[in-house]
C-alpha atoms as a PDB file:
ATOM      1  CA  MET A   1      35.173 -18.671  -4.117  1.00  0.00           C
ATOM      2  CA  ILE A   2      31.528 -17.713  -3.944  1.00  0.00           C
ATOM      3  CA  ARG A   3      29.495 -16.731  -6.944  1.00  0.00           C
ATOM      4  CA  LEU A   4      26.428 -14.652  -6.270  1.00  0.00           C
ATOM      5  CA  THR A   5      23.523 -14.174  -8.655  1.00  0.00           C
ATOM      6  CA  ILE A   6      21.526 -11.020  -8.038  1.00  0.00           C
ATOM      7  CA  THR A   7      20.456  -8.895 -11.051  1.00  0.00           C
ATOM      8  CA  ARG A   8      21.487  -8.161 -14.629  1.00  0.00           C
ATOM      9  CA  THR A   9      24.459  -5.853 -14.165  1.00  0.00           C
ATOM     10  CA  ALA A  10      27.953  -7.419 -14.244  1.00  0.00           C
ATOM     11  CA  LEU A  11      30.269  -6.793 -11.294  1.00  0.00           C
ATOM     12  CA  TRP A  12      33.546  -8.558 -10.613  1.00  0.00           C
ATOM     13  CA  GLY A  13      34.870  -9.783  -7.287  1.00  0.00           C
ATOM     14  CA  THR A  14      38.360 -10.857  -6.317  1.00  0.00           C
ATOM     15  CA  LEU A  15      37.584 -14.588  -6.257  1.00  0.00           C
ATOM     16  CA  TRP A  16      34.388 -15.286  -8.162  1.00  0.00           C
ATOM     17  CA  ALA A  17      32.387 -13.083 -10.479  1.00  0.00           C
ATOM     18  CA  LEU A  18      29.624 -11.288  -8.629  1.00  0.00           C
ATOM     19  CA  GLY A  19      27.169 -11.816 -11.443  1.00  0.00           C
ATOM     20  CA  ILE A  20      23.969  -9.834 -11.702  1.00  0.00           C
ATOM     21  CA  ALA A  21      21.558 -11.870 -13.832  1.00  0.00           C
ATOM     22  CA  SER A  22      17.835 -12.128 -14.252  1.00  0.00           C
ATOM     23  CA  CYS A  23      16.233 -14.580 -11.861  1.00  0.00           C
ATOM     24  CA  GLY A  24      12.812 -14.884 -13.436  1.00  0.00           C
ATOM     25  CA  ASN A  25       9.508 -13.084 -13.185  1.00  0.00           C
ATOM     26  CA  ALA A  26       9.186 -13.738  -9.462  1.00  0.00           C
ATOM     27  CA  PHE A  27      12.252 -11.648  -8.690  1.00  0.00           C
ATOM     28  CA  ALA A  28      11.896  -8.180  -7.223  1.00  0.00           C
ATOM     29  CA  GLU A  29      11.516  -5.554  -9.908  1.00  0.00           C
ATOM     30  CA  GLU A  30      14.924  -4.493 -11.169  1.00  0.00           C
ATOM     31  CA  THR A  31      14.276  -0.848 -10.300  1.00  0.00           C
ATOM     32  CA  SER A  32      13.999  -1.780  -6.607  1.00  0.00           C
ATOM     33  CA  LEU A  33      17.422  -3.463  -6.501  1.00  0.00           C
ATOM     34  CA  HIS A  34      20.339  -1.187  -5.642  1.00  0.00           C
ATOM     35  CA  VAL A  35      24.081  -1.875  -5.537  1.00  0.00           C
ATOM     36  CA  VAL A  36      26.910   0.273  -4.202  1.00  0.00           C
ATOM     37  CA  SER A  37      30.592  -0.507  -3.596  1.00  0.00           C
ATOM     38  CA  GLN A  38      33.476   0.919  -1.595  1.00  0.00           C
ATOM     39  CA  ARG A  39      36.962  -0.301  -0.765  1.00  0.00           C
ATOM     40  CA  HIS A  40      37.466  -1.326   2.857  1.00  0.00           C
ATOM     41  CA  MET A  41      39.638  -3.827   4.738  1.00  0.00           C
ATOM     42  CA  GLY A  42      41.804  -4.508   1.702  1.00  0.00           C
ATOM     43  CA  THR A  43      38.915  -5.580  -0.536  1.00  0.00           C
ATOM     44  CA  ILE A  44      35.849  -4.333  -2.374  1.00  0.00           C
ATOM     45  CA  VAL A  45      32.754  -4.303  -0.172  1.00  0.00           C
ATOM     46  CA  ARG A  46      29.405  -4.353  -1.969  1.00  0.00           C
ATOM     47  CA  ILE A  47      26.024  -3.661  -0.504  1.00  0.00           C
ATOM     48  CA  VAL A  48      22.959  -4.900  -2.361  1.00  0.00           C
ATOM     49  CA  ALA A  49      19.397  -4.229  -1.249  1.00  0.00           C
ATOM     50  CA  ASP A  50      15.824  -4.582  -2.394  1.00  0.00           C
ATOM     51  CA  CYS A  51      14.462  -1.133  -1.590  1.00  0.00           C
ATOM     52  CA  ASP A  52      11.956   1.143  -3.318  1.00  0.00           C
ATOM     53  CA  SER A  53      13.745   4.386  -2.489  1.00  0.00           C
ATOM     54  CA  ALA A  54      17.189   5.053  -3.944  1.00  0.00           C
ATOM     55  CA  GLU A  55      17.638   7.932  -1.509  1.00  0.00           C
ATOM     56  CA  GLU A  56      16.769   5.720   1.464  1.00  0.00           C
ATOM     57  CA  PHE A  57      19.155   3.035   0.210  1.00  0.00           C
ATOM     58  CA  GLN A  58      22.059   5.464  -0.204  1.00  0.00           C
ATOM     59  CA  LYS A  59      21.557   6.904   3.269  1.00  0.00           C
ATOM     60  CA  ALA A  60      21.513   3.406   4.782  1.00  0.00           C
ATOM     61  CA  ALA A  61      24.544   2.307   2.751  1.00  0.00           C
ATOM     62  CA  ASP A  62      26.503   5.347   3.925  1.00  0.00           C
ATOM     63  CA  SER A  63      25.718   4.373   7.510  1.00  0.00           C
ATOM     64  CA  ALA A  64      26.807   0.777   6.862  1.00  0.00           C
ATOM     65  CA  PHE A  65      30.086   1.821   5.235  1.00  0.00           C
ATOM     66  CA  ALA A  66      30.782   4.201   8.109  1.00  0.00           C
ATOM     67  CA  ARG A  67      30.329   1.309  10.510  1.00  0.00           C
ATOM     68  CA  ILE A  68      32.752  -0.838   8.506  1.00  0.00           C
ATOM     69  CA  GLY A  69      35.255   2.011   8.628  1.00  0.00           C
ATOM     70  CA  GLU A  70      34.979   2.139  12.424  1.00  0.00           C
ATOM     71  CA  ILE A  71      35.674  -1.568  12.718  1.00  0.00           C
ATOM     72  CA  GLU A  72      38.601  -1.360  10.307  1.00  0.00           C
ATOM     73  CA  GLN A  73      40.154   1.340  12.500  1.00  0.00           C
ATOM     74  CA  ILE A  74      39.746  -0.908  15.536  1.00  0.00           C
ATOM     75  CA  CYS A  75      40.789  -4.244  14.043  1.00  0.00           C
ATOM     76  CA  SER A  76      43.289  -3.519  11.263  1.00  0.00           C
ATOM     77  CA  ASP A  77      46.621  -5.328  11.271  1.00  0.00           C
ATOM     78  CA  TYR A  78      48.028  -2.761   8.830  1.00  0.00           C
ATOM     79  CA  ARG A  79      47.263   0.511  10.637  1.00  0.00           C
ATOM     80  CA  ASN A  80      49.750   1.212  13.419  1.00  0.00           C
ATOM     81  CA  ASP A  81      47.153   3.395  15.148  1.00  0.00           C
ATOM     82  CA  SER A  82      44.449   0.702  15.192  1.00  0.00           C
ATOM     83  CA  GLU A  83      43.129  -0.227  18.620  1.00  0.00           C
ATOM     84  CA  VAL A  84      44.251  -3.833  18.314  1.00  0.00           C
ATOM     85  CA  LEU A  85      47.859  -2.964  17.428  1.00  0.00           C
ATOM     86  CA  ILE A  86      48.065  -0.348  20.176  1.00  0.00           C
ATOM     87  CA  LEU A  87      46.850  -3.065  22.556  1.00  0.00           C
ATOM     88  CA  SER A  88      49.375  -5.563  21.175  1.00  0.00           C
ATOM     89  CA  ALA A  89      52.258  -3.148  21.716  1.00  0.00           C
ATOM     90  CA  GLN A  90      51.560  -3.114  25.456  1.00  0.00           C
ATOM     91  CA  GLY A  91      52.353  -6.778  26.032  1.00  0.00           C
ATOM     92  CA  PRO A  92      53.154  -8.042  28.540  1.00  0.00           C
ATOM     93  CA  THR A  93      50.639  -5.935  30.469  1.00  0.00           C
ATOM     94  CA  SER A  94      50.971  -5.334  34.202  1.00  0.00           C
ATOM     95  CA  GLU A  95      47.250  -4.576  34.510  1.00  0.00           C
ATOM     96  CA  PRO A  96      44.220  -5.496  32.367  1.00  0.00           C
ATOM     97  CA  VAL A  97      43.632  -3.018  29.521  1.00  0.00           C
ATOM     98  CA  ALA A  98      40.061  -1.851  28.882  1.00  0.00           C
ATOM     99  CA  VAL A  99      38.930  -2.242  25.257  1.00  0.00           C
ATOM    100  CA  SER A 100      36.054  -0.985  23.118  1.00  0.00           C
ATOM    101  CA  ASP A 101      32.782  -2.872  22.753  1.00  0.00           C
ATOM    102  CA  ASP A 102      33.664  -3.989  19.228  1.00  0.00           C
ATOM    103  CA  LEU A 103      37.139  -5.275  20.083  1.00  0.00           C
ATOM    104  CA  TRP A 104      35.752  -7.063  23.124  1.00  0.00           C
ATOM    105  CA  LYS A 105      33.088  -8.813  21.050  1.00  0.00           C
ATOM    106  CA  VAL A 106      35.576  -9.852  18.364  1.00  0.00           C
ATOM    107  CA  LEU A 107      38.095 -11.204  20.865  1.00  0.00           C
ATOM    108  CA  SER A 108      35.405 -12.998  22.872  1.00  0.00           C
ATOM    109  CA  LEU A 109      34.131 -14.823  19.795  1.00  0.00           C
ATOM    110  CA  ALA A 110      37.685 -15.560  18.674  1.00  0.00           C
ATOM    111  CA  MET A 111      38.467 -17.231  21.981  1.00  0.00           C
ATOM    112  CA  GLN A 112      35.284 -19.316  21.752  1.00  0.00           C
ATOM    113  CA  VAL A 113      36.287 -20.606  18.305  1.00  0.00           C
ATOM    114  CA  ASN A 114      39.829 -21.192  19.570  1.00  0.00           C
ATOM    115  CA  ALA A 115      38.527 -23.441  22.341  1.00  0.00           C
ATOM    116  CA  ALA A 116      36.130 -25.271  20.005  1.00  0.00           C
ATOM    117  CA  THR A 117      38.882 -26.007  17.467  1.00  0.00           C
ATOM    118  CA  ASP A 118      41.655 -27.044  19.861  1.00  0.00           C
ATOM    119  CA  GLY A 119      43.705 -23.982  18.927  1.00  0.00           C
ATOM    120  CA  ALA A 120      43.368 -24.228  15.138  1.00  0.00           C
ATOM    121  CA  PHE A 121      41.999 -20.667  15.180  1.00  0.00           C
ATOM    122  CA  ASP A 122      44.147 -18.286  17.219  1.00  0.00           C
ATOM    123  CA  VAL A 123      44.237 -14.497  16.930  1.00  0.00           C
ATOM    124  CA  THR A 124      47.608 -14.337  18.690  1.00  0.00           C
ATOM    125  CA  VAL A 125      49.114 -15.640  15.440  1.00  0.00           C
ATOM    126  CA  GLY A 126      50.163 -12.093  14.493  1.00  0.00           C
ATOM    127  CA  PRO A 127      53.964 -12.561  14.919  1.00  0.00           C
ATOM    128  CA  LEU A 128      53.784 -15.490  12.510  1.00  0.00           C
ATOM    129  CA  THR A 129      51.594 -13.580  10.057  1.00  0.00           C
ATOM    130  CA  ARG A 130      54.207 -10.829   9.863  1.00  0.00           C
ATOM    131  CA  GLU A 131      57.033 -13.301   9.263  1.00  0.00           C
ATOM    132  CA  TRP A 132      55.174 -15.254   6.589  1.00  0.00           C
ATOM    133  CA  ARG A 133      54.331 -12.073   4.688  1.00  0.00           C
ATOM    134  CA  ARG A 134      58.068 -11.440   4.551  1.00  0.00           C
ATOM    135  CA  PHE A 135      58.750 -15.043   3.511  1.00  0.00           C
ATOM    136  CA  ARG A 136      56.319 -14.815   0.582  1.00  0.00           C
ATOM    137  CA  ARG A 137      57.753 -11.486  -0.604  1.00  0.00           C
ATOM    138  CA  ARG A 138      61.283 -12.902  -0.572  1.00  0.00           C
ATOM    139  CA  ASN A 139      60.272 -16.429  -1.548  1.00  0.00           C
ATOM    140  CA  GLN A 140      62.349 -17.672   1.378  1.00  0.00           C
ATOM    141  CA  LEU A 141      61.526 -19.484   4.601  1.00  0.00           C
ATOM    142  CA  ASP A 142      63.481 -19.024   7.846  1.00  0.00           C
ATOM    143  CA  GLU A 143      62.856 -21.722  10.447  1.00  0.00           C
ATOM    144  CA  GLN A 144      64.691 -19.793  13.169  1.00  0.00           C
ATOM    145  CA  ARG A 145      62.440 -16.763  12.743  1.00  0.00           C
ATOM    146  CA  ILE A 146      59.398 -19.039  12.995  1.00  0.00           C
ATOM    147  CA  ALA A 147      60.669 -20.467  16.272  1.00  0.00           C
ATOM    148  CA  GLU A 148      61.261 -16.970  17.655  1.00  0.00           C
ATOM    149  CA  ALA A 149      57.807 -15.775  16.580  1.00  0.00           C
ATOM    150  CA  MET A 150      56.158 -18.746  18.289  1.00  0.00           C
ATOM    151  CA  THR A 151      57.198 -17.450  21.730  1.00  0.00           C
ATOM    152  CA  GLY A 152      54.436 -14.841  21.510  1.00  0.00           C
ATOM    153  CA  VAL A 153      51.789 -17.138  20.006  1.00  0.00           C
ATOM    154  CA  GLY A 154      49.151 -19.046  21.969  1.00  0.00           C
ATOM    155  CA  ALA A 155      45.725 -18.369  23.412  1.00  0.00           C
ATOM    156  CA  GLN A 156      47.137 -18.918  26.904  1.00  0.00           C
ATOM    157  CA  HIS A 157      48.854 -15.532  26.545  1.00  0.00           C
ATOM    158  CA  LEU A 158      45.551 -13.700  25.939  1.00  0.00           C
ATOM    159  CA  ILE A 159      43.346 -13.352  29.027  1.00  0.00           C
ATOM    160  CA  LEU A 160      39.837 -11.877  28.942  1.00  0.00           C
ATOM    161  CA  HIS A 161      38.365 -10.162  32.000  1.00  0.00           C
ATOM    162  CA  PRO A 162      34.570 -10.009  31.456  1.00  0.00           C
ATOM    163  CA  GLU A 163      33.869  -8.077  34.649  1.00  0.00           C
ATOM    164  CA  LYS A 164      36.078  -5.233  33.371  1.00  0.00           C
ATOM    165  CA  GLN A 165      35.743  -5.716  29.599  1.00  0.00           C
ATOM    166  CA  ALA A 166      39.521  -5.728  29.632  1.00  0.00           C
ATOM    167  CA  ILE A 167      42.392  -7.764  28.188  1.00  0.00           C
ATOM    168  CA  SER A 168      45.681  -8.989  29.668  1.00  0.00           C
ATOM    169  CA  LEU A 169      48.636  -9.946  27.493  1.00  0.00           C
ATOM    170  CA  LYS A 170      50.942 -12.374  29.281  1.00  0.00           C
ATOM    171  CA  ALA A 171      53.851 -12.480  26.830  1.00  0.00           C
ATOM    172  CA  GLY A 172      56.105 -10.003  25.119  1.00  0.00           C
ATOM    173  CA  GLN A 173      56.343  -9.641  21.341  1.00  0.00           C
ATOM    174  CA  MET A 174      52.631 -10.341  20.979  1.00  0.00           C
ATOM    175  CA  ARG A 175      50.675  -9.160  17.955  1.00  0.00           C
ATOM    176  CA  ILE A 176      46.964  -9.863  17.704  1.00  0.00           C
ATOM    177  CA  ASP A 177      45.845 -10.602  14.136  1.00  0.00           C
ATOM    178  CA  LEU A 178      42.094 -10.381  13.535  1.00  0.00           C
ATOM    179  CA  GLY A 179      42.358 -11.077   9.796  1.00  0.00           C
ATOM    180  CA  GLY A 180      40.411 -14.327  10.159  1.00  0.00           C
ATOM    181  CA  ILE A 181      37.374 -12.785  11.839  1.00  0.00           C
ATOM    182  CA  ALA A 182      37.236  -8.981  11.498  1.00  0.00           C
ATOM    183  CA  LYS A 183      35.854  -8.952   7.962  1.00  0.00           C
ATOM    184  CA  GLY A 184      32.966 -11.186   9.000  1.00  0.00           C
ATOM    185  CA  TYR A 185      32.300  -9.045  12.056  1.00  0.00           C
ATOM    186  CA  ALA A 186      32.241  -5.945   9.839  1.00  0.00           C
ATOM    187  CA  ILE A 187      29.700  -7.596   7.522  1.00  0.00           C
ATOM    188  CA  ASP A 188      27.421  -8.303  10.482  1.00  0.00           C
ATOM    189  CA  ALA A 189      27.782  -4.731  11.735  1.00  0.00           C
ATOM    190  CA  ALA A 190      26.966  -3.361   8.285  1.00  0.00           C
ATOM    191  CA  LEU A 191      23.820  -5.478   8.078  1.00  0.00           C
ATOM    192  CA  ASP A 192      22.791  -4.232  11.527  1.00  0.00           C
ATOM    193  CA  ALA A 193      23.285  -0.646  10.357  1.00  0.00           C
ATOM    194  CA  LEU A 194      21.145  -1.280   7.271  1.00  0.00           C
ATOM    195  CA  THR A 195      18.397  -2.832   9.386  1.00  0.00           C
ATOM    196  CA  ARG A 196      18.390   0.132  11.776  1.00  0.00           C
ATOM    197  CA  CYS A 197      17.852   2.350   8.736  1.00  0.00           C
ATOM    198  CA  GLY A 198      14.844   0.291   7.665  1.00  0.00           C
ATOM    199  CA  ILE A 199      16.599  -1.801   4.968  1.00  0.00           C
ATOM    200  CA  ASN A 200      15.558  -5.379   5.766  1.00  0.00           C
ATOM    201  CA  ARG A 201      16.275  -7.095   2.418  1.00  0.00           C
ATOM    202  CA  ALA A 202      19.998  -6.754   2.021  1.00  0.00           C
ATOM    203  CA  LEU A 203      23.267  -8.498   1.353  1.00  0.00           C
ATOM    204  CA  VAL A 204      26.839  -7.432   2.129  1.00  0.00           C
ATOM    205  CA  ASP A 205      29.684  -9.018   0.161  1.00  0.00           C
ATOM    206  CA  ALA A 206      33.250  -8.360   1.333  1.00  0.00           C
ATOM    207  CA  GLY A 207      35.628 -10.010  -1.089  1.00  0.00           C
ATOM    208  CA  GLY A 208      33.505 -13.147  -1.348  1.00  0.00           C
ATOM    209  CA  ASP A 209      32.457 -13.440   2.304  1.00  0.00           C
ATOM    210  CA  ILE A 210      28.719 -12.824   2.399  1.00  0.00           C
ATOM    211  CA  GLY A 211      26.098 -11.963   4.991  1.00  0.00           C
ATOM    212  CA  ALA A 212      22.417 -11.485   4.232  1.00  0.00           C
ATOM    213  CA  THR A 213      19.141 -10.567   5.853  1.00  0.00           C
ATOM    214  CA  ASP A 214      15.775 -11.178   4.152  1.00  0.00           C
ATOM    215  CA  PRO A 215      15.939 -12.043   0.432  1.00  0.00           C
ATOM    216  CA  PRO A 216      14.593  -9.897  -2.402  1.00  0.00           C
ATOM    217  CA  ARG A 217      10.841  -9.981  -2.823  1.00  0.00           C
ATOM    218  CA  GLY A 218       9.649 -13.075  -4.685  1.00  0.00           C
ATOM    219  CA  GLU A 219      12.816 -15.071  -3.922  1.00  0.00           C
ATOM    220  CA  LEU A 220      13.561 -17.972  -1.578  1.00  0.00           C
ATOM    221  CA  GLY A 221      16.897 -16.375  -0.749  1.00  0.00           C
ATOM    222  CA  TRP A 222      19.990 -14.788  -2.214  1.00  0.00           C
ATOM    223  CA  LYS A 223      21.347 -17.288  -4.728  1.00  0.00           C
ATOM    224  CA  VAL A 224      24.976 -18.283  -4.131  1.00  0.00           C
ATOM    225  CA  GLY A 225      27.249 -20.715  -5.910  1.00  0.00           C
ATOM    226  CA  ILE A 226      30.295 -22.336  -4.315  1.00  0.00           C
ATOM    227  CA  ALA A 227      33.381 -23.166  -6.367  1.00  0.00           C
ATOM    228  CA  GLY A 228      35.706 -26.102  -5.875  1.00  0.00           C
ATOM    229  CA  LEU A 229      39.506 -26.224  -5.964  1.00  0.00           C
ATOM    230  CA  ASN A 230      39.556 -24.681  -9.435  1.00  0.00           C
ATOM    231  CA  PRO A 231      37.843 -21.289  -9.097  1.00  0.00           C
ATOM    232  CA  LYS A 232      37.568 -20.997 -12.888  1.00  0.00           C
ATOM    233  CA  GLU A 233      35.176 -23.936 -13.117  1.00  0.00           C
ATOM    234  CA  PRO A 234      31.394 -23.584 -12.663  1.00  0.00           C
ATOM    235  CA  PRO A 235      30.052 -23.684  -9.095  1.00  0.00           C
ATOM    236  CA  ILE A 236      29.809 -27.120  -7.532  1.00  0.00           C
ATOM    237  CA  VAL A 237      27.118 -26.128  -5.049  1.00  0.00           C
ATOM    238  CA  VAL A 238      24.304 -23.655  -5.743  1.00  0.00           C
ATOM    239  CA  THR A 239      21.882 -22.714  -2.979  1.00  0.00           C
ATOM    240  CA  TYR A 240      19.784 -19.921  -1.490  1.00  0.00           C
ATOM    241  CA  LEU A 241      20.684 -17.936   1.604  1.00  0.00           C
ATOM    242  CA  ALA A 242      18.522 -15.833   3.925  1.00  0.00           C
ATOM    243  CA  ASN A 243      19.334 -14.356   7.348  1.00  0.00           C
ATOM    244  CA  ALA A 244      22.676 -16.148   7.419  1.00  0.00           C
ATOM    245  CA  ALA A 245      26.239 -15.969   6.150  1.00  0.00           C
ATOM    246  CA  VAL A 246      28.794 -17.874   4.112  1.00  0.00           C
ATOM    247  CA  ALA A 247      32.594 -17.569   3.902  1.00  0.00           C
ATOM    248  CA  THR A 248      35.259 -19.369   1.908  1.00  0.00           C
ATOM    249  CA  SER A 249      38.917 -19.941   2.740  1.00  0.00           C
ATOM    250  CA  GLY A 250      41.520 -21.499   0.469  1.00  0.00           C
ATOM    251  CA  ASP A 251      45.022 -21.293  -0.921  1.00  0.00           C
ATOM    252  CA  ALA A 252      44.397 -21.047  -4.646  1.00  0.00           C
ATOM    253  CA  TYR A 253      46.286 -17.742  -4.929  1.00  0.00           C
ATOM    254  CA  GLN A 254      48.560 -17.231  -1.903  1.00  0.00           C
ATOM    255  CA  PHE A 255      51.209 -19.807  -1.037  1.00  0.00           C
ATOM    256  CA  LEU A 256      54.948 -20.360  -0.708  1.00  0.00           C
ATOM    257  CA  GLU A 257      56.956 -23.263  -2.102  1.00  0.00           C
ATOM    258  CA  HIS A 258      60.061 -24.246  -0.104  1.00  0.00           C
ATOM    259  CA  LYS A 259      62.240 -27.307  -0.671  1.00  0.00           C
ATOM    260  CA  GLY A 260      59.565 -28.916  -2.788  1.00  0.00           C
ATOM    261  CA  LYS A 261      56.811 -28.321  -0.236  1.00  0.00           C
ATOM    262  CA  ARG A 262      53.845 -25.998  -0.729  1.00  0.00           C
ATOM    263  CA  TYR A 263      52.768 -23.877   2.249  1.00  0.00           C
ATOM    264  CA  SER A 264      49.482 -21.987   2.243  1.00  0.00           C
ATOM    265  CA  HIS A 265      49.161 -18.413   3.513  1.00  0.00           C
ATOM    266  CA  ILE A 266      46.716 -19.963   6.009  1.00  0.00           C
ATOM    267  CA  LEU A 267      48.839 -20.591   9.086  1.00  0.00           C
ATOM    268  CA  ASP A 268      48.504 -23.340  11.653  1.00  0.00           C
ATOM    269  CA  PRO A 269      49.121 -21.445  14.919  1.00  0.00           C
ATOM    270  CA  ARG A 270      49.963 -24.706  16.667  1.00  0.00           C
ATOM    271  CA  THR A 271      52.995 -25.412  14.449  1.00  0.00           C
ATOM    272  CA  GLY A 272      53.954 -21.989  13.107  1.00  0.00           C
ATOM    273  CA  TYR A 273      53.849 -23.191   9.494  1.00  0.00           C
ATOM    274  CA  GLY A 274      51.458 -22.663   6.622  1.00  0.00           C
ATOM    275  CA  VAL A 275      48.964 -25.437   5.982  1.00  0.00           C
ATOM    276  CA  ASP A 276      50.575 -27.918   3.592  1.00  0.00           C
ATOM    277  CA  HIS A 277      47.440 -29.538   2.207  1.00  0.00           C
ATOM    278  CA  ARG A 278      45.692 -27.861  -0.706  1.00  0.00           C
ATOM    279  CA  GLY A 279      42.038 -27.193  -0.180  1.00  0.00           C
ATOM    280  CA  THR A 280      39.058 -24.905  -0.229  1.00  0.00           C
ATOM    281  CA  VAL A 281      36.607 -24.638   2.654  1.00  0.00           C
ATOM    282  CA  THR A 282      33.187 -23.009   2.576  1.00  0.00           C
ATOM    283  CA  VAL A 283      31.409 -22.424   5.869  1.00  0.00           C
ATOM    284  CA  PHE A 284      27.761 -21.564   6.423  1.00  0.00           C
ATOM    285  CA  ALA A 285      26.844 -19.975   9.743  1.00  0.00           C
ATOM    286  CA  SER A 286      24.180 -17.844  11.367  1.00  0.00           C
ATOM    287  CA  ASN A 287      26.425 -14.764  11.159  1.00  0.00           C
ATOM    288  CA  ALA A 288      29.427 -13.698   9.123  1.00  0.00           C
ATOM    289  CA  ALA A 289      31.876 -13.449  12.020  1.00  0.00           C
ATOM    290  CA  GLN A 290      31.287 -17.116  12.834  1.00  0.00           C
ATOM    291  CA  ALA A 291      31.530 -18.120   9.173  1.00  0.00           C
ATOM    292  CA  ASP A 292      34.779 -16.178   8.727  1.00  0.00           C
ATOM    293  CA  ALA A 293      36.488 -17.623  11.808  1.00  0.00           C
ATOM    294  CA  TRP A 294      35.352 -21.190  11.213  1.00  0.00           C
ATOM    295  CA  ALA A 295      36.444 -21.089   7.556  1.00  0.00           C
ATOM    296  CA  SER A 296      39.969 -20.277   8.720  1.00  0.00           C
ATOM    297  CA  ALA A 297      39.907 -22.915  11.463  1.00  0.00           C
ATOM    298  CA  LEU A 298      38.576 -25.704   9.249  1.00  0.00           C
ATOM    299  CA  SER A 299      41.170 -24.909   6.592  1.00  0.00           C
ATOM    300  CA  VAL A 300      43.759 -25.763   9.217  1.00  0.00           C
ATOM    301  CA  LEU A 301      41.969 -28.834  10.571  1.00  0.00           C
ATOM    302  CA  GLY A 302      41.045 -30.444   7.260  1.00  0.00           C
ATOM    303  CA  PRO A 303      38.327 -33.110   6.977  1.00  0.00           C
ATOM    304  CA  ASN A 304      39.661 -35.324   9.774  1.00  0.00           C
ATOM    305  CA  GLY A 305      39.743 -32.589  12.383  1.00  0.00           C
ATOM    306  CA  ALA A 306      36.604 -30.874  11.107  1.00  0.00           C
ATOM    307  CA  ALA A 307      34.347 -33.779  12.036  1.00  0.00           C
ATOM    308  CA  ASP A 308      35.296 -33.575  15.719  1.00  0.00           C
ATOM    309  CA  ALA A 309      35.295 -29.781  15.895  1.00  0.00           C
ATOM    310  CA  LEU A 310      31.830 -29.467  14.349  1.00  0.00           C
ATOM    311  CA  SER A 311      30.195 -32.288  16.323  1.00  0.00           C
ATOM    312  CA  ASN A 312      28.636 -29.803  18.785  1.00  0.00           C
ATOM    313  CA  GLN A 313      28.190 -26.871  16.403  1.00  0.00           C
ATOM    314  CA  GLU A 314      24.621 -27.048  15.088  1.00  0.00           C
ATOM    315  CA  GLU A 315      24.728 -23.507  13.675  1.00  0.00           C
ATOM    316  CA  VAL A 316      27.878 -24.127  11.621  1.00  0.00           C
ATOM    317  CA  ALA A 317      27.967 -26.288   8.487  1.00  0.00           C
ATOM    318  CA  THR A 318      30.668 -26.810   5.889  1.00  0.00           C
ATOM    319  CA  TRP A 319      31.546 -28.091   2.461  1.00  0.00           C
ATOM    320  CA  MET A 320      35.222 -28.643   1.701  1.00  0.00           C
ATOM    321  CA  GLU A 321      37.384 -30.082  -1.017  1.00  0.00           C
ATOM    322  CA  VAL A 322      41.030 -31.036  -0.418  1.00  0.00           C
ATOM    323  CA  LEU A 323      43.748 -32.725  -2.439  1.00  0.00           C
ATOM    324  CA  VAL A 324      44.932 -36.045  -1.013  1.00  0.00           C
ATOM    325  CA  ALA A 325      47.738 -37.649  -3.029  1.00  0.00           C
ATOM    326  CA  GLU A 326      46.765 -35.212  -5.813  1.00  0.00           C
ATOM    327  CA  GLU A 327      43.198 -36.529  -5.811  1.00  0.00           C
ATOM    328  CA  PRO A 328      40.316 -34.192  -4.859  1.00  0.00           C
ATOM    329  CA  ILE A 329      38.371 -35.404  -1.828  1.00  0.00           C
ATOM    330  CA  THR A 330      35.073 -33.792  -0.838  1.00  0.00           C
ATOM    331  CA  TRP A 331      33.863 -33.707   2.756  1.00  0.00           C
ATOM    332  CA  ILE A 332      30.475 -32.353   3.790  1.00  0.00           C
ATOM    333  CA  SER A 333      29.355 -31.868   7.381  1.00  0.00           C
ATOM    334  CA  PRO A 334      26.382 -34.123   8.223  1.00  0.00           C
ATOM    335  CA  ASN A 335      24.197 -31.104   9.045  1.00  0.00           C
ATOM    336  CA  LEU A 336      24.755 -29.216   5.771  1.00  0.00           C
ATOM    337  CA  GLY A 337      21.484 -30.259   4.146  1.00  0.00           C
ATOM    338  CA  SER A 338      19.367 -29.397   7.174  1.00  0.00           C
ATOM    339  CA  TRP A 339      21.262 -26.140   7.692  1.00  0.00           C
ATOM    340  CA  LEU A 340      20.645 -24.973   4.128  1.00  0.00           C
ATOM    341  CA  SER A 341      16.981 -25.913   4.392  1.00  0.00           C
ATOM    342  CA  LYS A 342      16.637 -23.950   7.626  1.00  0.00           C
ATOM    343  CA  HIS A 343      18.248 -20.790   6.274  1.00  0.00           C
ATOM    344  CA  ARG A 344      16.056 -20.213   3.261  1.00  0.00           C
ATOM    345  CA  LEU A 345      12.408 -19.332   2.946  1.00  0.00           C
ATOM    346  CA  ARG A 346       9.995 -22.255   2.683  1.00  0.00           C
ATOM    347  CA  GLU A 347       7.978 -20.483   0.033  1.00  0.00           C
ATOM    348  CA  ALA A 348       8.893 -17.483  -2.067  1.00  0.00           C
ATOM    349  CA  PRO A 349       6.664 -14.554  -1.096  1.00  0.00           C
ATOM    350  CA  SER A 350       4.773 -12.476  -3.603  1.00  0.00           C
ATOM    351  CA  PRO A 351       6.965  -9.897  -5.358  1.00  0.00           C
ATOM    352  CA  ARG A 352       4.583  -7.222  -4.061  1.00  0.00           C
END
């Protein structure tokens, strides 16, 4: 639920409008701003850059999209030939299985967030993800199937071997689900590809999760607006972002109601059930992979658990709104103000 203001052209995202509106005379000249979109990872991915050469921009964007495609092939939960599902099918493994650089980096970060959130973020949740997709299609919930799926869930079943860059799976019926982190990792990789091609003022938006490098010339940052529980209302928070990322997680559109109880599509891997409190969580972090993973984790933890989990995370800040007894409650991490100040330019540079 992130609204992004960039230029005058109107584009539409899956959660919030990706508005392109004039930002004043200080903004980079409109002819230097370029936008291109492709469909990847189940969403529309947009690349925006402040660049004088359209040819240079297109070449860099092609490289960035190619990189996203590589990561999708490695991390997809929908492609049976993806590296992560081929790995999952081998559990339990008798010997550690060597993995690619990208899968190693994603799993390493995932395990770090798992430890920092007391298991609220867990990529071994795949068996549950598969069951809950079926539940939502049929509008039915099966407690026995949840119990069976839980036998393959838990970070203790996933062992990393740094000296070999290899993975061991200690349980059968495991299925690694990178849906809570892969999109962010792909955004970071795309930005790296753009930078290697000489595009230093860029933004990548993947279905509302955003990563950015330097802002357009004449701007303090890329202007983003964060929506509350009702995504149709105007943004509650508007700020600028530079060399950082932001991701939002919530249950406004995907949920299941069973016996009078509402379960989000966001699953608590510790219980096997969808989160039963309504809420929206926006996370700011130094990179998109961190923002993506922490947005999922904090959606599970809620305000009470978030305070403890974020106490030692200086590079992660959050704004969240949840319904408590049908009343909206806002919780903001104590470091949000300082984080936003740090990740924007102190003074807008000259447009030229």
